[in-house]
Amino acid sequence: MQILISCNSKISFLDSIFQKDADAVDARSEIDLRTGAAFTRFQTKLLQGKYHETQGVMLSYGPCQFPTLGFVVARDRRIEAFRPEDFWYLDLEVSEGHCTLLCEEERGRRI
């Protein structure tokens, strides 16, 4: 019973501390959504018809799209630049009389 009371008091303590953080996340999410929707409409209306490539397409904008695209491009470049290399695993076996000690690499590190 004591454990349950202790857990409940800790949970309510966390609720009061992190409510402001949760509210800030909600506000940021709402701002991102509204900004993205407004700017998407603005740039679509502004640029449609000015360039052949923009005919009949929506030009989407979102504050998270540019950093996310950066992560995707960086990962793609790392994959494209990958060149396989030779590697070895070291196993050490030491024998003394009838006793043998075998040491093996557990993590599979490249040496």
PDB file of N, CA and C in Angstrom:
ATOM      1  N   MET A   1       0.822  -1.193   0.000  1.00  0.00           N
ATOM      2  CA  MET A   1       0.000   0.000   0.000  1.00  0.00           C
ATOM      3  C   MET A   1       0.866   1.258   0.000  1.00  0.00           C
ATOM      4  N   GLN A   2       1.958   1.231   0.757  1.00  0.00           N
ATOM      5  CA  GLN A   2       2.864   2.372   0.840  1.00  0.00           C
ATOM      6  C   GLN A   2       3.481   2.672  -0.530  1.00  0.00           C
ATOM      7  N   ILE A   3       3.820   1.624  -1.276  1.00  0.00           N
ATOM      8  CA  ILE A   3       4.427   1.805  -2.598  1.00  0.00           C
ATOM      9  C   ILE A   3       3.437   2.490  -3.542  1.00  0.00           C
ATOM     10  N   LEU A   4       2.185   2.083  -3.504  1.00  0.00           N
ATOM     11  CA  LEU A   4       1.164   2.666  -4.368  1.00  0.00           C
ATOM     12  C   LEU A   4       0.974   4.146  -4.061  1.00  0.00           C
ATOM     13  N   ILE A   5       0.916   4.505  -2.799  1.00  0.00           N
ATOM     14  CA  ILE A   5       0.769   5.911  -2.405  1.00  0.00           C
ATOM     15  C   ILE A   5       1.981   6.710  -2.865  1.00  0.00           C
ATOM     16  N   SER A   6       3.158   6.143  -2.693  1.00  0.00           N
ATOM     17  CA  SER A   6       4.380   6.821  -3.102  1.00  0.00           C
ATOM     18  C   SER A   6       4.402   7.050  -4.613  1.00  0.00           C
ATOM     19  N   CYS A   7       4.011   6.027  -5.391  1.00  0.00           N
ATOM     20  CA  CYS A   7       3.982   6.155  -6.849  1.00  0.00           C
ATOM     21  C   CYS A   7       2.976   7.212  -7.284  1.00  0.00           C
ATOM     22  N   ASN A   8       1.782   7.210  -6.666  1.00  0.00           N
ATOM     23  CA  ASN A   8       0.763   8.195  -7.029  1.00  0.00           C
ATOM     24  C   ASN A   8       1.217   9.617  -6.727  1.00  0.00           C
ATOM     25  N   SER A   9       1.909   9.813  -5.604  1.00  0.00           N
ATOM     26  CA  SER A   9       2.379  11.161  -5.269  1.00  0.00           C
ATOM     27  C   SER A   9       3.460  11.597  -6.251  1.00  0.00           C
ATOM     28  N   LYS A  10       4.314  10.690  -6.690  1.00  0.00           N
ATOM     29  CA  LYS A  10       5.353  11.028  -7.669  1.00  0.00           C
ATOM     30  C   LYS A  10       4.735  11.363  -9.024  1.00  0.00           C
ATOM     31  N   ILE A  11       3.724  10.622  -9.419  1.00  0.00           N
ATOM     32  CA  ILE A  11       3.076  10.874 -10.700  1.00  0.00           C
ATOM     33  C   ILE A  11       2.404  12.243 -10.692  1.00  0.00           C
ATOM     34  N   SER A  12       1.700  12.596  -9.623  1.00  0.00           N
ATOM     35  CA  SER A  12       1.049  13.906  -9.570  1.00  0.00           C
ATOM     36  C   SER A  12       2.087  15.019  -9.523  1.00  0.00           C
ATOM     37  N   PHE A  13       3.227  14.761  -8.911  1.00  0.00           N
ATOM     38  CA  PHE A  13       4.324  15.736  -8.871  1.00  0.00           C
ATOM     39  C   PHE A  13       4.851  15.987 -10.285  1.00  0.00           C
ATOM     40  N   LEU A  14       5.021  14.925 -11.055  1.00  0.00           N
ATOM     41  CA  LEU A  14       5.483  15.078 -12.434  1.00  0.00           C
ATOM     42  C   LEU A  14       4.466  15.837 -13.283  1.00  0.00           C
ATOM     43  N   ASP A  15       3.194  15.575 -13.064  1.00  0.00           N
ATOM     44  CA  ASP A  15       2.146  16.233 -13.825  1.00  0.00           C
ATOM     45  C   ASP A  15       2.208  17.746 -13.651  1.00  0.00           C
ATOM     46  N   SER A  16       2.421  18.208 -12.445  1.00  0.00           N
ATOM     47  CA  SER A  16       2.440  19.650 -12.203  1.00  0.00           C
ATOM     48  C   SER A  16       3.700  20.302 -12.766  1.00  0.00           C
ATOM     49  N   ILE A  17       4.826  19.605 -12.740  1.00  0.00           N
ATOM     50  CA  ILE A  17       6.072  20.179 -13.230  1.00  0.00           C
ATOM     51  C   ILE A  17       6.078  20.287 -14.748  1.00  0.00           C
ATOM     52  N   PHE A  18       5.643  19.271 -15.448  1.00  0.00           N
ATOM     53  CA  PHE A  18       5.786  19.210 -16.893  1.00  0.00           C
ATOM     54  C   PHE A  18       4.586  19.764 -17.660  1.00  0.00           C
ATOM     55  N   GLN A  19       3.581  20.281 -16.981  1.00  0.00           N
ATOM     56  CA  GLN A  19       2.422  20.830 -17.684  1.00  0.00           C
ATOM     57  C   GLN A  19       2.816  22.030 -18.541  1.00  0.00           C
ATOM     58  N   LYS A  20       3.697  22.888 -18.032  1.00  0.00           N
ATOM     59  CA  LYS A  20       4.131  24.051 -18.816  1.00  0.00           C
ATOM     60  C   LYS A  20       4.914  23.607 -20.051  1.00  0.00           C
ATOM     61  N   ASP A  21       5.738  22.573 -19.909  1.00  0.00           N
ATOM     62  CA  ASP A  21       6.462  22.046 -21.066  1.00  0.00           C
ATOM     63  C   ASP A  21       5.493  21.473 -22.094  1.00  0.00           C
ATOM     64  N   ALA A  22       4.491  20.748 -21.624  1.00  0.00           N
ATOM     65  CA  ALA A  22       3.496  20.169 -22.530  1.00  0.00           C
ATOM     66  C   ALA A  22       2.716  21.269 -23.238  1.00  0.00           C
ATOM     67  N   ASP A  23       2.372  22.325 -22.508  1.00  0.00           N
ATOM     68  CA  ASP A  23       1.670  23.454 -23.124  1.00  0.00           C
ATOM     69  C   ASP A  23       2.537  24.127 -24.181  1.00  0.00           C
ATOM     70  N   ALA A  24       3.834  24.260 -23.918  1.00  0.00           N
ATOM     71  CA  ALA A  24       4.750  24.875 -24.888  1.00  0.00           C
ATOM     72  C   ALA A  24       4.843  24.031 -26.153  1.00  0.00           C
ATOM     73  N   VAL A  25       4.877  22.718 -25.998  1.00  0.00           N
ATOM     74  CA  VAL A  25       4.923  21.821 -27.160  1.00  0.00           C
ATOM     75  C   VAL A  25       3.636  21.954 -27.971  1.00  0.00           C
ATOM     76  N   ASP A  26       2.498  22.002 -27.289  1.00  0.00           N
ATOM     77  CA  ASP A  26       1.226  22.173 -27.992  1.00  0.00           C
ATOM     78  C   ASP A  26       1.188  23.496 -28.755  1.00  0.00           C
ATOM     79  N   ALA A  27       1.673  24.565 -28.118  1.00  0.00           N
ATOM     80  CA  ALA A  27       1.680  25.874 -28.774  1.00  0.00           C
ATOM     81  C   ALA A  27       2.580  25.859 -30.008  1.00  0.00           C
ATOM     82  N   ARG A  28       3.759  25.268 -29.867  1.00  0.00           N
ATOM     83  CA  ARG A  28       4.682  25.205 -31.008  1.00  0.00           C
ATOM     84  C   ARG A  28       4.080  24.397 -32.155  1.00  0.00           C
ATOM     85  N   SER A  29       3.429  23.319 -31.816  1.00  0.00           N
ATOM     86  CA  SER A  29       2.794  22.479 -32.832  1.00  0.00           C
ATOM     87  C   SER A  29       1.700  23.259 -33.565  1.00  0.00           C
ATOM     88  N   GLU A  30       0.896  23.993 -32.814  1.00  0.00           N
ATOM     89  CA  GLU A  30      -0.177  24.792 -33.413  1.00  0.00           C
ATOM     90  C   GLU A  30       0.388  25.905 -34.299  1.00  0.00           C
ATOM     91  N   ILE A  31       1.440  26.569 -33.836  1.00  0.00           N
ATOM     92  CA  ILE A  31       2.076  27.633 -34.625  1.00  0.00           C
ATOM     93  C   ILE A  31       2.666  27.060 -35.916  1.00  0.00           C
ATOM     94  N   ASP A  32       3.355  25.923 -35.811  1.00  0.00           N
ATOM     95  CA  ASP A  32       3.930  25.289 -37.004  1.00  0.00           C
ATOM     96  C   ASP A  32       2.842  24.927 -38.012  1.00  0.00           C
ATOM     97  N   LEU A  33       1.737  24.384 -37.525  1.00  0.00           N
ATOM     98  CA  LEU A  33       0.642  23.982 -38.409  1.00  0.00           C
ATOM     99  C   LEU A  33       0.030  25.199 -39.108  1.00  0.00           C
ATOM    100  N   ARG A  34      -0.263  26.234 -38.343  1.00  0.00           N
ATOM    101  CA  ARG A  34      -0.893  27.429 -38.924  1.00  0.00           C
ATOM    102  C   ARG A  34       0.057  28.154 -39.881  1.00  0.00           C
ATOM    103  N   THR A  35       1.325  28.272 -39.483  1.00  0.00           N
ATOM    104  CA  THR A  35       2.311  28.920 -40.352  1.00  0.00           C
ATOM    105  C   THR A  35       2.475  28.132 -41.644  1.00  0.00           C
ATOM    106  N   GLY A  36       2.591  26.824 -41.521  1.00  0.00           N
ATOM    107  CA  GLY A  36       2.749  25.976 -42.701  1.00  0.00           C
ATOM    108  C   GLY A  36       1.567  26.072 -43.638  1.00  0.00           C
ATOM    109  N   ALA A  37       0.346  26.054 -43.082  1.00  0.00           N
ATOM    110  CA  ALA A  37      -0.852  26.132 -43.918  1.00  0.00           C
ATOM    111  C   ALA A  37      -0.946  27.489 -44.608  1.00  0.00           C
ATOM    112  N   ALA A  38      -0.679  28.567 -43.859  1.00  0.00           N
ATOM    113  CA  ALA A  38      -0.785  29.913 -44.437  1.00  0.00           C
ATOM    114  C   ALA A  38       0.293  30.135 -45.503  1.00  0.00           C
ATOM    115  N   PHE A  39       1.522  29.759 -45.205  1.00  0.00           N
ATOM    116  CA  PHE A  39       2.595  30.007 -46.159  1.00  0.00           C
ATOM    117  C   PHE A  39       2.491  29.094 -47.374  1.00  0.00           C
ATOM    118  N   THR A  40       1.990  27.886 -47.185  1.00  0.00           N
ATOM    119  CA  THR A  40       1.771  26.985 -48.327  1.00  0.00           C
ATOM    120  C   THR A  40       0.783  27.623 -49.294  1.00  0.00           C
ATOM    121  N   ARG A  41      -0.307  28.135 -48.750  1.00  0.00           N
ATOM    122  CA  ARG A  41      -1.310  28.798 -49.615  1.00  0.00           C
ATOM    123  C   ARG A  41      -0.700  30.023 -50.284  1.00  0.00           C
ATOM    124  N   PHE A  42       0.028  30.838 -49.522  1.00  0.00           N
ATOM    125  CA  PHE A  42       0.619  32.057 -50.058  1.00  0.00           C
ATOM    126  C   PHE A  42       1.583  31.764 -51.210  1.00  0.00           C
ATOM    127  N   GLN A  43       2.527  30.854 -50.996  1.00  0.00           N
ATOM    128  CA  GLN A  43       3.518  30.613 -52.054  1.00  0.00           C
ATOM    129  C   GLN A  43       2.914  29.871 -53.231  1.00  0.00           C
ATOM    130  N   THR A  44       1.920  29.030 -52.980  1.00  0.00           N
ATOM    131  CA  THR A  44       1.260  28.348 -54.099  1.00  0.00           C
ATOM    132  C   THR A  44       0.559  29.371 -54.988  1.00  0.00           C
ATOM    133  N   LYS A  45      -0.204  30.269 -54.361  1.00  0.00           N
ATOM    134  CA  LYS A  45      -0.914  31.294 -55.134  1.00  0.00           C
ATOM    135  C   LYS A  45       0.060  32.245 -55.838  1.00  0.00           C
ATOM    136  N   LEU A  46       1.152  32.598 -55.162  1.00  0.00           N
ATOM    137  CA  LEU A  46       2.123  33.530 -55.710  1.00  0.00           C
ATOM    138  C   LEU A  46       2.873  32.947 -56.913  1.00  0.00           C
ATOM    139  N   LEU A  47       3.261  31.671 -56.830  1.00  0.00           N
ATOM    140  CA  LEU A  47       4.159  31.099 -57.832  1.00  0.00           C
ATOM    141  C   LEU A  47       3.464  30.293 -58.918  1.00  0.00           C
ATOM    142  N   GLN A  48       2.213  29.885 -58.686  1.00  0.00           N
ATOM    143  CA  GLN A  48       1.516  29.131 -59.733  1.00  0.00           C
ATOM    144  C   GLN A  48       1.327  30.018 -60.959  1.00  0.00           C
ATOM    145  N   GLY A  49       1.671  29.504 -62.096  1.00  0.00           N
ATOM    146  CA  GLY A  49       1.517  30.242 -63.328  1.00  0.00           C
ATOM    147  C   GLY A  49       2.751  31.034 -63.719  1.00  0.00           C
ATOM    148  N   LYS A  50       3.649  31.274 -62.774  1.00  0.00           N
ATOM    149  CA  LYS A  50       4.871  32.013 -63.108  1.00  0.00           C
ATOM    150  C   LYS A  50       5.936  31.094 -63.690  1.00  0.00           C
ATOM    151  N   TYR A  51       5.877  29.847 -63.325  1.00  0.00           N
ATOM    152  CA  TYR A  51       6.864  28.876 -63.800  1.00  0.00           C
ATOM    153  C   TYR A  51       6.114  27.657 -64.322  1.00  0.00           C
ATOM    154  N   HIS A  52       6.633  27.084 -65.376  1.00  0.00           N
ATOM    155  CA  HIS A  52       5.987  25.922 -65.985  1.00  0.00           C
ATOM    156  C   HIS A  52       5.858  24.768 -64.987  1.00  0.00           C
ATOM    157  N   GLU A  53       6.875  24.588 -64.153  1.00  0.00           N
ATOM    158  CA  GLU A  53       6.898  23.455 -63.214  1.00  0.00           C
ATOM    159  C   GLU A  53       5.852  23.577 -62.109  1.00  0.00           C
ATOM    160  N   THR A  54       5.335  24.796 -61.891  1.00  0.00           N
ATOM    161  CA  THR A  54       4.398  24.996 -60.782  1.00  0.00           C
ATOM    162  C   THR A  54       2.942  24.925 -61.201  1.00  0.00           C
ATOM    163  N   GLN A  55       2.662  24.658 -62.459  1.00  0.00           N
ATOM    164  CA  GLN A  55       1.296  24.593 -62.952  1.00  0.00           C
ATOM    165  C   GLN A  55       0.532  23.460 -62.268  1.00  0.00           C
ATOM    166  N   GLY A  56      -0.531  23.795 -61.574  1.00  0.00           N
ATOM    167  CA  GLY A  56      -1.422  22.794 -60.996  1.00  0.00           C
ATOM    168  C   GLY A  56      -0.878  22.027 -59.806  1.00  0.00           C
ATOM    169  N   VAL A  57       0.242  22.475 -59.225  1.00  0.00           N
ATOM    170  CA  VAL A  57       0.774  21.774 -58.059  1.00  0.00           C
ATOM    171  C   VAL A  57       0.713  22.675 -56.833  1.00  0.00           C
ATOM    172  N   MET A  58       0.608  22.054 -55.674  1.00  0.00           N
ATOM    173  CA  MET A  58       0.665  22.788 -54.424  1.00  0.00           C
ATOM    174  C   MET A  58       2.126  22.834 -53.978  1.00  0.00           C
ATOM    175  N   LEU A  59       2.592  23.994 -53.596  1.00  0.00           N
ATOM    176  CA  LEU A  59       3.968  24.163 -53.140  1.00  0.00           C
ATOM    177  C   LEU A  59       3.962  24.188 -51.621  1.00  0.00           C
ATOM    178  N   SER A  60       4.242  23.061 -51.030  1.00  0.00           N
ATOM    179  CA  SER A  60       4.116  22.888 -49.588  1.00  0.00           C
ATOM    180  C   SER A  60       5.275  23.520 -48.830  1.00  0.00           C
ATOM    181  N   TYR A  61       4.952  24.099 -47.684  1.00  0.00           N
ATOM    182  CA  TYR A  61       5.960  24.664 -46.784  1.00  0.00           C
ATOM    183  C   TYR A  61       5.664  24.180 -45.379  1.00  0.00           C
ATOM    184  N   GLY A  62       6.708  23.858 -44.649  1.00  0.00           N
ATOM    185  CA  GLY A  62       6.579  23.521 -43.242  1.00  0.00           C
ATOM    186  C   GLY A  62       7.905  23.748 -42.551  1.00  0.00           C
ATOM    187  N   PRO A  63       7.896  24.290 -41.343  1.00  0.00           N
ATOM    188  CA  PRO A  63       9.142  24.591 -40.628  1.00  0.00           C
ATOM    189  C   PRO A  63      10.028  23.367 -40.420  1.00  0.00           C
ATOM    190  N   CYS A  64       9.439  22.183 -40.414  1.00  0.00           N
ATOM    191  CA  CYS A  64      10.239  20.969 -40.183  1.00  0.00           C
ATOM    192  C   CYS A  64      10.711  20.320 -41.481  1.00  0.00           C
ATOM    193  N   GLN A  65      10.206  20.759 -42.620  1.00  0.00           N
ATOM    194  CA  GLN A  65      10.541  20.098 -43.876  1.00  0.00           C
ATOM    195  C   GLN A  65      12.002  20.287 -44.261  1.00  0.00           C
ATOM    196  N   PHE A  66      12.533  21.495 -44.075  1.00  0.00           N
ATOM    197  CA  PHE A  66      13.910  21.751 -44.492  1.00  0.00           C
ATOM    198  C   PHE A  66      14.927  20.972 -43.654  1.00  0.00           C
ATOM    199  N   PRO A  67      14.837  20.982 -42.309  1.00  0.00           N
ATOM    200  CA  PRO A  67      15.789  20.165 -41.547  1.00  0.00           C
ATOM    201  C   PRO A  67      15.641  18.673 -41.837  1.00  0.00           C
ATOM    202  N   THR A  68      14.404  18.214 -42.008  1.00  0.00           N
ATOM    203  CA  THR A  68      14.187  16.797 -42.308  1.00  0.00           C
ATOM    204  C   THR A  68      14.802  16.436 -43.651  1.00  0.00           C
ATOM    205  N   LEU A  69      14.623  17.287 -44.637  1.00  0.00           N
ATOM    206  CA  LEU A  69      15.234  17.049 -45.944  1.00  0.00           C
ATOM    207  C   LEU A  69      16.754  16.999 -45.810  1.00  0.00           C
ATOM    208  N   GLY A  70      17.317  17.861 -44.978  1.00  0.00           N
ATOM    209  CA  GLY A  70      18.767  17.845 -44.736  1.00  0.00           C
ATOM    210  C   GLY A  70      19.233  16.517 -44.178  1.00  0.00           C
ATOM    211  N   PHE A  71      18.476  15.952 -43.220  1.00  0.00           N
ATOM    212  CA  PHE A  71      18.834  14.647 -42.653  1.00  0.00           C
ATOM    213  C   PHE A  71      18.789  13.558 -43.720  1.00  0.00           C
ATOM    214  N   VAL A  72      17.757  13.597 -44.555  1.00  0.00           N
ATOM    215  CA  VAL A  72      17.603  12.581 -45.604  1.00  0.00           C
ATOM    216  C   VAL A  72      18.742  12.687 -46.614  1.00  0.00           C
ATOM    217  N   VAL A  73      19.072  13.904 -47.035  1.00  0.00           N
ATOM    218  CA  VAL A  73      20.147  14.092 -48.011  1.00  0.00           C
ATOM    219  C   VAL A  73      21.494  13.671 -47.423  1.00  0.00           C
ATOM    220  N   ALA A  74      21.766  14.046 -46.178  1.00  0.00           N
ATOM    221  CA  ALA A  74      23.034  13.666 -45.540  1.00  0.00           C
ATOM    222  C   ALA A  74      23.160  12.153 -45.436  1.00  0.00           C
ATOM    223  N   ARG A  75      22.080  11.485 -45.062  1.00  0.00           N
ATOM    224  CA  ARG A  75      22.104  10.017 -44.956  1.00  0.00           C
ATOM    225  C   ARG A  75      22.327   9.388 -46.333  1.00  0.00           C
ATOM    226  N   ASP A  76      21.658   9.905 -47.352  1.00  0.00           N
ATOM    227  CA  ASP A  76      21.825   9.388 -48.703  1.00  0.00           C
ATOM    228  C   ASP A  76      23.268   9.554 -49.172  1.00  0.00           C
ATOM    229  N   ARG A  77      23.870  10.685 -48.864  1.00  0.00           N
ATOM    230  CA  ARG A  77      25.260  10.915 -49.263  1.00  0.00           C
ATOM    231  C   ARG A  77      26.207   9.958 -48.554  1.00  0.00           C
ATOM    232  N   ARG A  78      25.944   9.681 -47.268  1.00  0.00           N
ATOM    233  CA  ARG A  78      26.783   8.703 -46.545  1.00  0.00           C
ATOM    234  C   ARG A  78      26.649   7.317 -47.162  1.00  0.00           C
ATOM    235  N   ILE A  79      25.443   6.956 -47.546  1.00  0.00           N
ATOM    236  CA  ILE A  79      25.224   5.644 -48.170  1.00  0.00           C
ATOM    237  C   ILE A  79      25.941   5.575 -49.514  1.00  0.00           C
ATOM    238  N   GLU A  80      25.822   6.625 -50.329  1.00  0.00           N
ATOM    239  CA  GLU A  80      26.475   6.652 -51.639  1.00  0.00           C
ATOM    240  C   GLU A  80      27.998   6.639 -51.517  1.00  0.00           C
ATOM    241  N   ALA A  81      28.527   7.270 -50.478  1.00  0.00           N
ATOM    242  CA  ALA A  81      29.984   7.358 -50.306  1.00  0.00           C
ATOM    243  C   ALA A  81      30.574   6.108 -49.653  1.00  0.00           C
ATOM    244  N   PHE A  82      29.733   5.190 -49.206  1.00  0.00           N
ATOM    245  CA  PHE A  82      30.229   4.007 -48.498  1.00  0.00           C
ATOM    246  C   PHE A  82      31.074   3.136 -49.422  1.00  0.00           C
ATOM    247  N   ARG A  83      32.220   2.763 -48.943  1.00  0.00           N
ATOM    248  CA  ARG A  83      33.097   1.821 -49.631  1.00  0.00           C
ATOM    249  C   ARG A  83      33.472   0.728 -48.636  1.00  0.00           C
ATOM    250  N   PRO A  84      33.180  -0.532 -48.974  1.00  0.00           N
ATOM    251  CA  PRO A  84      33.501  -1.612 -48.042  1.00  0.00           C
ATOM    252  C   PRO A  84      35.008  -1.705 -47.801  1.00  0.00           C
ATOM    253  N   GLU A  85      35.366  -2.051 -46.593  1.00  0.00           N
ATOM    254  CA  GLU A  85      36.768  -2.222 -46.223  1.00  0.00           C
ATOM    255  C   GLU A  85      36.963  -3.620 -45.649  1.00  0.00           C
ATOM    256  N   ASP A  86      38.163  -4.144 -45.822  1.00  0.00           N
ATOM    257  CA  ASP A  86      38.485  -5.414 -45.181  1.00  0.00           C
ATOM    258  C   ASP A  86      38.539  -5.219 -43.667  1.00  0.00           C
ATOM    259  N   PHE A  87      38.162  -6.247 -42.943  1.00  0.00           N
ATOM    260  CA  PHE A  87      38.257  -6.175 -41.491  1.00  0.00           C
ATOM    261  C   PHE A  87      38.550  -7.564 -40.951  1.00  0.00           C
ATOM    262  N   TRP A  88      39.018  -7.605 -39.726  1.00  0.00           N
ATOM    263  CA  TRP A  88      39.392  -8.862 -39.107  1.00  0.00           C
ATOM    264  C   TRP A  88      38.830  -8.919 -37.706  1.00  0.00           C
ATOM    265  N   TYR A  89      38.570 -10.138 -37.263  1.00  0.00           N
ATOM    266  CA  TYR A  89      38.242 -10.389 -35.865  1.00  0.00           C
ATOM    267  C   TYR A  89      39.433 -11.101 -35.257  1.00  0.00           C
ATOM    268  N   LEU A  90      39.803 -10.689 -34.065  1.00  0.00           N
ATOM    269  CA  LEU A  90      40.927 -11.321 -33.392  1.00  0.00           C
ATOM    270  C   LEU A  90      40.421 -12.277 -32.321  1.00  0.00           C
ATOM    271  N   ASP A  91      40.935 -13.482 -32.360  1.00  0.00           N
ATOM    272  CA  ASP A  91      40.689 -14.468 -31.311  1.00  0.00           C
ATOM    273  C   ASP A  91      42.043 -14.862 -30.751  1.00  0.00           C
ATOM    274  N   LEU A  92      42.147 -14.881 -29.440  1.00  0.00           N
ATOM    275  CA  LEU A  92      43.401 -15.227 -28.789  1.00  0.00           C
ATOM    276  C   LEU A  92      43.194 -16.515 -27.999  1.00  0.00           C
ATOM    277  N   GLU A  93      44.086 -17.481 -28.240  1.00  0.00           N
ATOM    278  CA  GLU A  93      44.023 -18.740 -27.512  1.00  0.00           C
ATOM    279  C   GLU A  93      45.390 -18.978 -26.878  1.00  0.00           C
ATOM    280  N   VAL A  94      45.368 -19.118 -25.547  1.00  0.00           N
ATOM    281  CA  VAL A  94      46.603 -19.335 -24.805  1.00  0.00           C
ATOM    282  C   VAL A  94      46.507 -20.696 -24.119  1.00  0.00           C
ATOM    283  N   SER A  95      47.525 -21.538 -24.344  1.00  0.00           N
ATOM    284  CA  SER A  95      47.528 -22.873 -23.732  1.00  0.00           C
ATOM    285  C   SER A  95      48.739 -23.019 -22.827  1.00  0.00           C
ATOM    286  N   GLU A  96      48.510 -23.621 -21.667  1.00  0.00           N
ATOM    287  CA  GLU A  96      49.574 -23.923 -20.710  1.00  0.00           C
ATOM    288  C   GLU A  96      49.261 -25.305 -20.147  1.00  0.00           C
ATOM    289  N   GLY A  97      49.996 -26.271 -20.581  1.00  0.00           N
ATOM    290  CA  GLY A  97      49.745 -27.644 -20.142  1.00  0.00           C
ATOM    291  C   GLY A  97      48.391 -28.119 -20.622  1.00  0.00           C
ATOM    292  N   HIS A  98      47.542 -28.550 -19.671  1.00  0.00           N
ATOM    293  CA  HIS A  98      46.200 -29.032 -20.003  1.00  0.00           C
ATOM    294  C   HIS A  98      45.155 -27.907 -19.952  1.00  0.00           C
ATOM    295  N   CYS A  99      45.560 -26.707 -19.636  1.00  0.00           N
ATOM    296  CA  CYS A  99      44.634 -25.580 -19.482  1.00  0.00           C
ATOM    297  C   CYS A  99      44.703 -24.682 -20.723  1.00  0.00           C
ATOM    298  N   THR A 100      43.550 -24.319 -21.250  1.00  0.00           N
ATOM    299  CA  THR A 100      43.485 -23.441 -22.420  1.00  0.00           C
ATOM    300  C   THR A 100      42.562 -22.268 -22.109  1.00  0.00           C
ATOM    301  N   LEU A 101      43.037 -21.078 -22.435  1.00  0.00           N
ATOM    302  CA  LEU A 101      42.256 -19.864 -22.260  1.00  0.00           C
ATOM    303  C   LEU A 101      41.937 -19.314 -23.648  1.00  0.00           C
ATOM    304  N   LEU A 102      40.660 -19.113 -23.935  1.00  0.00           N
ATOM    305  CA  LEU A 102      40.234 -18.605 -25.236  1.00  0.00           C
ATOM    306  C   LEU A 102      39.614 -17.222 -25.035  1.00  0.00           C
ATOM    307  N   CYS A 103      40.165 -16.217 -25.692  1.00  0.00           N
ATOM    308  CA  CYS A 103      39.653 -14.837 -25.617  1.00  0.00           C
ATOM    309  C   CYS A 103      39.106 -14.458 -26.981  1.00  0.00           C
ATOM    310  N   GLU A 104      37.833 -14.058 -27.022  1.00  0.00           N
ATOM    311  CA  GLU A 104      37.202 -13.683 -28.282  1.00  0.00           C
ATOM    312  C   GLU A 104      36.635 -12.270 -28.180  1.00  0.00           C
ATOM    313  N   GLU A 105      36.622 -11.583 -29.307  1.00  0.00           N
ATOM    314  CA  GLU A 105      36.031 -10.249 -29.401  1.00  0.00           C
ATOM    315  C   GLU A 105      34.509 -10.388 -29.320  1.00  0.00           C
ATOM    316  N   GLU A 106      33.866  -9.719 -28.369  1.00  0.00           N
ATOM    317  CA  GLU A 106      32.419  -9.831 -28.235  1.00  0.00           C
ATOM    318  C   GLU A 106      31.672  -8.769 -29.028  1.00  0.00           C
ATOM    319  N   ARG A 107      32.219  -7.600 -29.130  1.00  0.00           N
ATOM    320  CA  ARG A 107      31.509  -6.495 -29.746  1.00  0.00           C
ATOM    321  C   ARG A 107      31.653  -6.449 -31.256  1.00  0.00           C
ATOM    322  N   GLY A 108      32.533  -7.232 -31.835  1.00  0.00           N
ATOM    323  CA  GLY A 108      32.712  -7.236 -33.274  1.00  0.00           C
ATOM    324  C   GLY A 108      33.309  -5.942 -33.801  1.00  0.00           C
ATOM    325  N   ARG A 109      34.161  -5.327 -33.019  1.00  0.00           N
ATOM    326  CA  ARG A 109      34.774  -4.078 -33.461  1.00  0.00           C
ATOM    327  C   ARG A 109      35.731  -4.327 -34.611  1.00  0.00           C
ATOM    328  N   ARG A 110      35.809  -3.369 -35.491  1.00  0.00           N
ATOM    329  CA  ARG A 110      36.754  -3.471 -36.601  1.00  0.00           C
ATOM    330  C   ARG A 110      38.117  -3.013 -36.099  1.00  0.00           C
ATOM    331  N   ILE A 111      39.140  -3.814 -36.409  1.00  0.00           N
ATOM    332  CA  ILE A 111      40.500  -3.483 -35.961  1.00  0.00           C
ATOM    333  C   ILE A 111      41.376  -3.267 -37.174  1.00  0.00           C
TER     334      ILE A 111
END
